[in-house]
Every structure is written in C-alpha cells, then in structure tokens.
C-alpha atoms as a PDB file:
ATOM      1  CA  MET A   1      18.435  48.353 -21.761  1.00  0.00           C
ATOM      2  CA  SER A   2      21.737  46.378 -22.619  1.00  0.00           C
ATOM      3  CA  ASN A   3      22.090  43.925 -25.652  1.00  0.00           C
ATOM      4  CA  VAL A   4      21.745  40.731 -23.994  1.00  0.00           C
ATOM      5  CA  SER A   5      21.483  37.853 -26.483  1.00  0.00           C
ATOM      6  CA  ARG A   6      18.379  35.628 -26.644  1.00  0.00           C
ATOM      7  CA  ARG A   7      20.366  32.626 -25.656  1.00  0.00           C
ATOM      8  CA  VAL A   8      22.227  34.534 -22.772  1.00  0.00           C
ATOM      9  CA  TRP A   9      18.773  35.643 -21.538  1.00  0.00           C
ATOM     10  CA  LEU A  10      17.379  32.198 -21.464  1.00  0.00           C
ATOM     11  CA  GLY A  11      19.813  30.780 -19.622  1.00  0.00           C
ATOM     12  CA  ARG A  12      19.711  33.144 -17.121  1.00  0.00           C
ATOM     13  CA  LEU A  13      15.917  32.588 -17.188  1.00  0.00           C
ATOM     14  CA  ALA A  14      16.747  28.990 -16.548  1.00  0.00           C
ATOM     15  CA  VAL A  15      18.862  29.540 -13.628  1.00  0.00           C
ATOM     16  CA  LEU A  16      16.332  31.419 -12.085  1.00  0.00           C
ATOM     17  CA  ALA A  17      13.464  28.958 -12.508  1.00  0.00           C
ATOM     18  CA  GLY A  18      16.026  26.603 -10.895  1.00  0.00           C
ATOM     19  CA  ILE A  19      16.455  28.440  -7.771  1.00  0.00           C
ATOM     20  CA  ALA A  20      12.795  29.161  -7.411  1.00  0.00           C
ATOM     21  CA  GLY A  21      12.013  25.669  -7.534  1.00  0.00           C
ATOM     22  CA  LEU A  22      14.733  24.835  -5.079  1.00  0.00           C
ATOM     23  CA  SER A  23      13.235  27.591  -3.060  1.00  0.00           C
ATOM     24  CA  LEU A  24       9.864  25.778  -3.260  1.00  0.00           C
ATOM     25  CA  ARG A  25      11.219  22.658  -2.386  1.00  0.00           C
ATOM     26  CA  ARG A  26      12.873  23.532   0.787  1.00  0.00           C
ATOM     27  CA  ALA A  27       9.762  25.150   1.778  1.00  0.00           C
ATOM     28  CA  GLY A  28       8.038  21.787   1.942  1.00  0.00           C
ATOM     29  CA  ALA A  29       5.808  23.114  -1.331  1.00  0.00           C
ATOM     30  CA  THR A  30       4.555  20.058  -3.265  1.00  0.00           C
ATOM     31  CA  ALA A  31       2.902  19.516  -6.295  1.00  0.00           C
ATOM     32  CA  PRO A  32      -0.812  19.181  -6.165  1.00  0.00           C
ATOM     33  CA  LYS A  33      -2.191  15.669  -6.645  1.00  0.00           C
ATOM     34  CA  ALA A  34      -4.649  14.160  -8.902  1.00  0.00           C
ATOM     35  CA  THR A  35      -8.095  13.178  -7.968  1.00  0.00           C
ATOM     36  CA  LYS A  36      -8.938   9.596  -8.306  1.00  0.00           C
ATOM     37  CA  GLN A  37     -11.030  10.203 -11.133  1.00  0.00           C
ATOM     38  CA  ALA A  38      -8.791  12.082 -13.048  1.00  0.00           C
ATOM     39  CA  ALA A  39      -6.232   9.379 -12.715  1.00  0.00           C
ATOM     40  CA  ARG A  40      -8.763   6.618 -13.495  1.00  0.00           C
ATOM     41  CA  TYR A  41      -8.387   4.902 -10.246  1.00  0.00           C
ATOM     42  CA  GLN A  42     -10.333   1.655  -9.717  1.00  0.00           C
ATOM     43  CA  ASP A  43     -10.153  -0.291  -6.327  1.00  0.00           C
ATOM     44  CA  ARG A  44      -8.764  -3.751  -8.244  1.00  0.00           C
ATOM     45  CA  PRO A  45      -5.966  -4.988 -10.215  1.00  0.00           C
ATOM     46  CA  ASN A  46      -5.423  -4.148 -13.898  1.00  0.00           C
ATOM     47  CA  ASN A  47      -4.001  -7.441 -15.423  1.00  0.00           C
ATOM     48  CA  GLY A  48      -1.805  -8.138 -12.563  1.00  0.00           C
ATOM     49  CA  ARG A  49      -0.594  -4.460 -11.879  1.00  0.00           C
ATOM     50  CA  MET A  50      -1.626  -3.098  -8.776  1.00  0.00           C
ATOM     51  CA  CYS A  51      -1.006   0.104  -6.370  1.00  0.00           C
ATOM     52  CA  GLY A  52       0.983  -2.324  -4.107  1.00  0.00           C
ATOM     53  CA  MET A  53       3.419  -2.718  -6.604  1.00  0.00           C
ATOM     54  CA  CYS A  54       3.936   0.791  -7.847  1.00  0.00           C
ATOM     55  CA  LYS A  55       6.628   2.966  -7.039  1.00  0.00           C
ATOM     56  CA  TYR A  56       4.321   5.819  -6.110  1.00  0.00           C
ATOM     57  CA  PHE A  57       2.558   3.968  -3.570  1.00  0.00           C
ATOM     58  CA  ILE A  58       3.144   4.737   0.283  1.00  0.00           C
ATOM     59  CA  ALA A  59       2.433   1.709   2.667  1.00  0.00           C
ATOM     60  CA  PRO A  60       0.946   3.086   6.164  1.00  0.00           C
ATOM     61  CA  GLY A  61       3.717   4.389   7.915  1.00  0.00           C
ATOM     62  CA  GLY A  62       5.948   3.713   5.170  1.00  0.00           C
ATOM     63  CA  ALA A  63       7.815   5.445   2.139  1.00  0.00           C
ATOM     64  CA  ALA A  64       7.097   5.747  -1.119  1.00  0.00           C
ATOM     65  CA  GLY A  65       8.124   2.643  -3.199  1.00  0.00           C
ATOM     66  CA  SER A  66       7.967   0.412   0.133  1.00  0.00           C
ATOM     67  CA  GLY A  67       5.169  -1.916  -1.360  1.00  0.00           C
ATOM     68  CA  MET A  68       4.903  -5.349  -2.229  1.00  0.00           C
ATOM     69  CA  ARG A  69       8.674  -5.932  -3.154  1.00  0.00           C
ATOM     70  CA  GLY A  70       8.731  -8.471  -5.565  1.00  0.00           C
ATOM     71  CA  GLY A  71       5.030  -9.431  -5.168  1.00  0.00           C
ATOM     72  CA  THR A  72       5.098 -10.529  -1.796  1.00  0.00           C
ATOM     73  CA  MET A  73       2.934  -9.578   1.299  1.00  0.00           C
ATOM     74  CA  GLY A  74       3.847  -8.506   4.418  1.00  0.00           C
ATOM     75  CA  PRO A  75       1.947  -7.764   7.393  1.00  0.00           C
ATOM     76  CA  GLY A  76      -0.350  -4.878   7.173  1.00  0.00           C
ATOM     77  CA  MET A  77       0.236  -4.809   3.174  1.00  0.00           C
ATOM     78  CA  MET A  78      -3.908  -5.086   2.725  1.00  0.00           C
ATOM     79  CA  GLN A  79      -4.189  -1.768   4.741  1.00  0.00           C
ATOM     80  CA  ALA A  80      -4.822   1.198   2.799  1.00  0.00           C
ATOM     81  CA  GLY A  81      -2.051   3.784   2.167  1.00  0.00           C
ATOM     82  CA  SER A  82      -1.484   6.748  -0.053  1.00  0.00           C
ATOM     83  CA  CYS A  83       0.347   7.592  -3.055  1.00  0.00           C
ATOM     84  CA  GLN A  84       2.530  10.503  -4.103  1.00  0.00           C
ATOM     85  CA  LEU A  85       0.368  11.329  -7.451  1.00  0.00           C
ATOM     86  CA  VAL A  86      -2.938  10.463  -6.588  1.00  0.00           C
ATOM     87  CA  GLN A  87      -5.458  12.119  -3.484  1.00  0.00           C
ATOM     88  CA  GLY A  88      -7.394  10.149  -0.867  1.00  0.00           C
ATOM     89  CA  ARG A  89      -6.757   6.709   0.591  1.00  0.00           C
ATOM     90  CA  ILE A  90      -5.321   4.326  -2.025  1.00  0.00           C
ATOM     91  CA  SER A  91      -5.573   0.465  -1.993  1.00  0.00           C
ATOM     92  CA  PRO A  92      -2.739  -1.757  -2.545  1.00  0.00           C
ATOM     93  CA  MET A  93      -4.904  -3.672  -4.699  1.00  0.00           C
ATOM     94  CA  GLY A  94      -5.753  -0.467  -6.661  1.00  0.00           C
ATOM     95  CA  TYR A  95      -4.728   0.573  -9.825  1.00  0.00           C
ATOM     96  CA  CYS A  96      -4.580   3.835 -12.007  1.00  0.00           C
ATOM     97  CA  ASP A  97      -3.136   5.387 -15.316  1.00  0.00           C
ATOM     98  CA  PHE A  98       0.052   6.414 -13.048  1.00  0.00           C
ATOM     99  CA  TYR A  99       0.967   3.111 -12.359  1.00  0.00           C
ATOM    100  CA  ALA A 100       4.665   2.724 -12.432  1.00  0.00           C
ATOM    101  CA  PRO A 101       6.415  -0.794 -11.543  1.00  0.00           C
ATOM    102  CA  LEU A 102       8.824  -0.733  -8.694  1.00  0.00           C
ATOM    103  CA  SER A 103      12.441  -1.061  -9.888  1.00  0.00           C
ATOM    104  CA  ASP A 104      14.879  -3.712  -8.140  1.00  0.00           C
END
C-alpha cells in the first residue's frame, strides 16, 4: 500500500465520481422523479405561481422551460405536460414545492 495523502486520495475519488456521472449521463440515465405527493403538487396556482411558468415544466411537444413565457398563453398552453422533477401529467395551472420561475 502506497502512502497517498488524504487530499490526493479525495481528489482522485472526485475525478472518478465525475467520470462515472458523465458515463451515466451519456447512457441516457436520468434521476428518479419525485411523486406528486412528495412534491406537494396541486392542480391550481399558488399566489400566481404555476407550473406553466416554471423552468421545469415541459409543455406538450416542447422542452423544459418552454411554458408561458412572459405570462402569455399560446395555442395548447392549457394542455397537460410533464415536469423534469415530478412524475406524471402536470397541469400548466398546477403548482408544487419545486417551483422555480422562468428566467428571461
């Protein structure tokens, strides 16, 4: 056994963890999503905050963060979509504890 300092050992461990993380990302592995109950999801807005204006909301046929830009609604915006963090169909008028506003 060689005499490797704790700092060097931890550095090597961090590099290996990073490589493993990249490998999983390339393989298409995704983190498990929270249940609606765990996220305290509700089908109504909370003080004007709603899924359709959250950066994690994925509109039908869209990408994350493609919800109601600037608070405006377009065709199909009332259709349920999905979320990067929460399981199941998500209403654009819904809300959960993971809400994060879209950044312009």
